[in-house]
């Protein structure tokens, strides 16, 4: 799978520079629901990648890995819904 290292570095650096240079509320990016979901997909992919590394380190069996991945996904969904009111399972809202 492609890692997007350069693209992620460019986006992160640009956002950090904008934050550093912002005055007042000009830094609010006004993400659309689709933009937000794109960011969630990127974050979730990175989260699952690091979770997999942790599972390997712990020599976790496949059943426990699957339970952990499902739990992680549900907790992320709950976090997003709690703080944004968005339900990531209603994908039609993000098209």
C-alpha atoms as a PDB file:
ATOM      1  CA  UNK A   1       0.000   0.000   0.000  1.00  0.00           C
ATOM      2  CA  UNK A   2       1.211   3.472  -0.814  1.00  0.00           C
ATOM      3  CA  UNK A   3       2.158   5.463   2.324  1.00  0.00           C
ATOM      4  CA  UNK A   4       1.635   9.059   1.021  1.00  0.00           C
ATOM      5  CA  UNK A   5       4.589  10.234   3.121  1.00  0.00           C
ATOM      6  CA  UNK A   6       5.375  13.317   1.034  1.00  0.00           C
ATOM      7  CA  UNK A   7       1.743  14.334   0.622  1.00  0.00           C
ATOM      8  CA  UNK A   8       0.981  13.976   4.332  1.00  0.00           C
ATOM      9  CA  UNK A   9       4.127  15.917   5.234  1.00  0.00           C
ATOM     10  CA  UNK A  10       3.145  18.724   2.858  1.00  0.00           C
ATOM     11  CA  UNK A  11      -0.412  18.942   4.202  1.00  0.00           C
ATOM     12  CA  UNK A  12       0.679  18.830   7.853  1.00  0.00           C
ATOM     13  CA  UNK A  13       3.394  21.441   7.327  1.00  0.00           C
ATOM     14  CA  UNK A  14       1.008  23.744   5.489  1.00  0.00           C
ATOM     15  CA  UNK A  15      -1.608  23.460   8.246  1.00  0.00           C
ATOM     16  CA  UNK A  16       0.981  24.121  10.963  1.00  0.00           C
ATOM     17  CA  UNK A  17       2.291  27.163   9.089  1.00  0.00           C
ATOM     18  CA  UNK A  18      -1.233  28.515   8.621  1.00  0.00           C
ATOM     19  CA  UNK A  19      -1.885  28.046  12.345  1.00  0.00           C
ATOM     20  CA  UNK A  20       1.323  29.853  13.257  1.00  0.00           C
ATOM     21  CA  UNK A  21       0.565  32.782  10.948  1.00  0.00           C
ATOM     22  CA  UNK A  22      -3.158  33.108  11.694  1.00  0.00           C
ATOM     23  CA  UNK A  23      -4.661  36.174  13.301  1.00  0.00           C
ATOM     24  CA  UNK A  24      -8.032  35.910  15.010  1.00  0.00           C
ATOM     25  CA  UNK A  25     -10.370  33.339  13.517  1.00  0.00           C
ATOM     26  CA  UNK A  26      -8.953  33.458   9.981  1.00  0.00           C
ATOM     27  CA  UNK A  27      -7.464  30.036  10.645  1.00  0.00           C
ATOM     28  CA  UNK A  28     -10.821  28.208  10.730  1.00  0.00           C
ATOM     29  CA  UNK A  29     -10.662  25.957   7.648  1.00  0.00           C
ATOM     30  CA  UNK A  30     -14.452  25.531   7.131  1.00  0.00           C
ATOM     31  CA  UNK A  31     -14.201  21.883   6.135  1.00  0.00           C
ATOM     32  CA  UNK A  32     -17.168  20.435   4.286  1.00  0.00           C
ATOM     33  CA  UNK A  33     -18.576  17.141   5.544  1.00  0.00           C
ATOM     34  CA  UNK A  34     -16.704  15.421   2.703  1.00  0.00           C
ATOM     35  CA  UNK A  35     -13.434  17.158   3.670  1.00  0.00           C
ATOM     36  CA  UNK A  36     -13.964  16.045   7.263  1.00  0.00           C
ATOM     37  CA  UNK A  37     -14.603  12.454   6.203  1.00  0.00           C
ATOM     38  CA  UNK A  38     -11.443  12.489   4.067  1.00  0.00           C
ATOM     39  CA  UNK A  39      -9.459  13.557   7.141  1.00  0.00           C
ATOM     40  CA  UNK A  40     -11.132  10.824   9.217  1.00  0.00           C
ATOM     41  CA  UNK A  41     -10.256   8.192   6.609  1.00  0.00           C
ATOM     42  CA  UNK A  42      -6.611   9.278   6.687  1.00  0.00           C
ATOM     43  CA  UNK A  43      -6.541   9.308  10.496  1.00  0.00           C
ATOM     44  CA  UNK A  44      -8.321   5.955  10.784  1.00  0.00           C
ATOM     45  CA  UNK A  45      -5.871   4.357   8.367  1.00  0.00           C
ATOM     46  CA  UNK A  46      -2.925   5.662  10.402  1.00  0.00           C
ATOM     47  CA  UNK A  47      -4.572   4.578  13.660  1.00  0.00           C
ATOM     48  CA  UNK A  48      -5.229   1.059  12.394  1.00  0.00           C
ATOM     49  CA  UNK A  49      -1.658   0.807  11.078  1.00  0.00           C
ATOM     50  CA  UNK A  50      -0.213   1.628  14.500  1.00  0.00           C
ATOM     51  CA  UNK A  51      -2.750  -0.629  16.220  1.00  0.00           C
ATOM     52  CA  UNK A  52      -1.572  -3.492  13.972  1.00  0.00           C
ATOM     53  CA  UNK A  53       2.037  -2.822  15.036  1.00  0.00           C
ATOM     54  CA  UNK A  54       0.953  -2.905  18.681  1.00  0.00           C
ATOM     55  CA  UNK A  55      -0.950  -6.144  18.138  1.00  0.00           C
ATOM     56  CA  UNK A  56       2.129  -7.706  16.521  1.00  0.00           C
ATOM     57  CA  UNK A  57       4.283  -6.610  19.445  1.00  0.00           C
ATOM     58  CA  UNK A  58       1.791  -8.214  21.855  1.00  0.00           C
ATOM     59  CA  UNK A  59       1.603 -11.323  19.628  1.00  0.00           C
ATOM     60  CA  UNK A  60      -2.185 -11.041  19.666  1.00  0.00           C
ATOM     61  CA  UNK A  61      -4.260 -13.806  18.074  1.00  0.00           C
ATOM     62  CA  UNK A  62      -6.557 -13.070  15.133  1.00  0.00           C
ATOM     63  CA  UNK A  63      -9.790 -13.151  17.153  1.00  0.00           C
ATOM     64  CA  UNK A  64      -8.517 -10.567  19.651  1.00  0.00           C
ATOM     65  CA  UNK A  65      -7.136  -8.444  16.808  1.00  0.00           C
ATOM     66  CA  UNK A  66     -10.540  -8.379  15.161  1.00  0.00           C
ATOM     67  CA  UNK A  67     -12.305  -7.490  18.417  1.00  0.00           C
ATOM     68  CA  UNK A  68      -9.822  -4.701  19.079  1.00  0.00           C
ATOM     69  CA  UNK A  69     -10.174  -3.285  15.562  1.00  0.00           C
ATOM     70  CA  UNK A  70     -13.974  -3.311  15.812  1.00  0.00           C
ATOM     71  CA  UNK A  71     -13.872  -1.686  19.244  1.00  0.00           C
ATOM     72  CA  UNK A  72     -11.480   0.972  17.983  1.00  0.00           C
ATOM     73  CA  UNK A  73     -13.750   1.769  15.046  1.00  0.00           C
ATOM     74  CA  UNK A  74     -16.833   2.014  17.263  1.00  0.00           C
ATOM     75  CA  UNK A  75     -15.033   4.234  19.770  1.00  0.00           C
ATOM     76  CA  UNK A  76     -13.841   6.517  16.972  1.00  0.00           C
ATOM     77  CA  UNK A  77     -17.404   6.722  15.628  1.00  0.00           C
ATOM     78  CA  UNK A  78     -18.667   7.607  19.120  1.00  0.00           C
ATOM     79  CA  UNK A  79     -15.956  10.252  19.608  1.00  0.00           C
ATOM     80  CA  UNK A  80     -16.784  11.885  16.288  1.00  0.00           C
ATOM     81  CA  UNK A  81     -20.512  11.826  16.963  1.00  0.00           C
ATOM     82  CA  UNK A  82     -20.097  13.190  20.495  1.00  0.00           C
ATOM     83  CA  UNK A  83     -18.021  16.184  19.422  1.00  0.00           C
ATOM     84  CA  UNK A  84     -19.403  16.923  15.947  1.00  0.00           C
ATOM     85  CA  UNK A  85     -22.899  15.453  15.806  1.00  0.00           C
ATOM     86  CA  UNK A  86     -21.850  13.564  12.651  1.00  0.00           C
ATOM     87  CA  UNK A  87     -22.488   9.831  12.265  1.00  0.00           C
ATOM     88  CA  UNK A  88     -19.758   8.300  10.146  1.00  0.00           C
ATOM     89  CA  UNK A  89     -21.947   5.277   9.416  1.00  0.00           C
ATOM     90  CA  UNK A  90     -24.363   7.509   7.477  1.00  0.00           C
ATOM     91  CA  UNK A  91     -21.990   7.692   4.526  1.00  0.00           C
ATOM     92  CA  UNK A  92     -24.599   9.351   2.307  1.00  0.00           C
ATOM     93  CA  UNK A  93     -24.218  12.483   4.478  1.00  0.00           C
ATOM     94  CA  UNK A  94     -20.599  12.776   3.328  1.00  0.00           C
ATOM     95  CA  UNK A  95     -21.020  12.421  -0.441  1.00  0.00           C
END
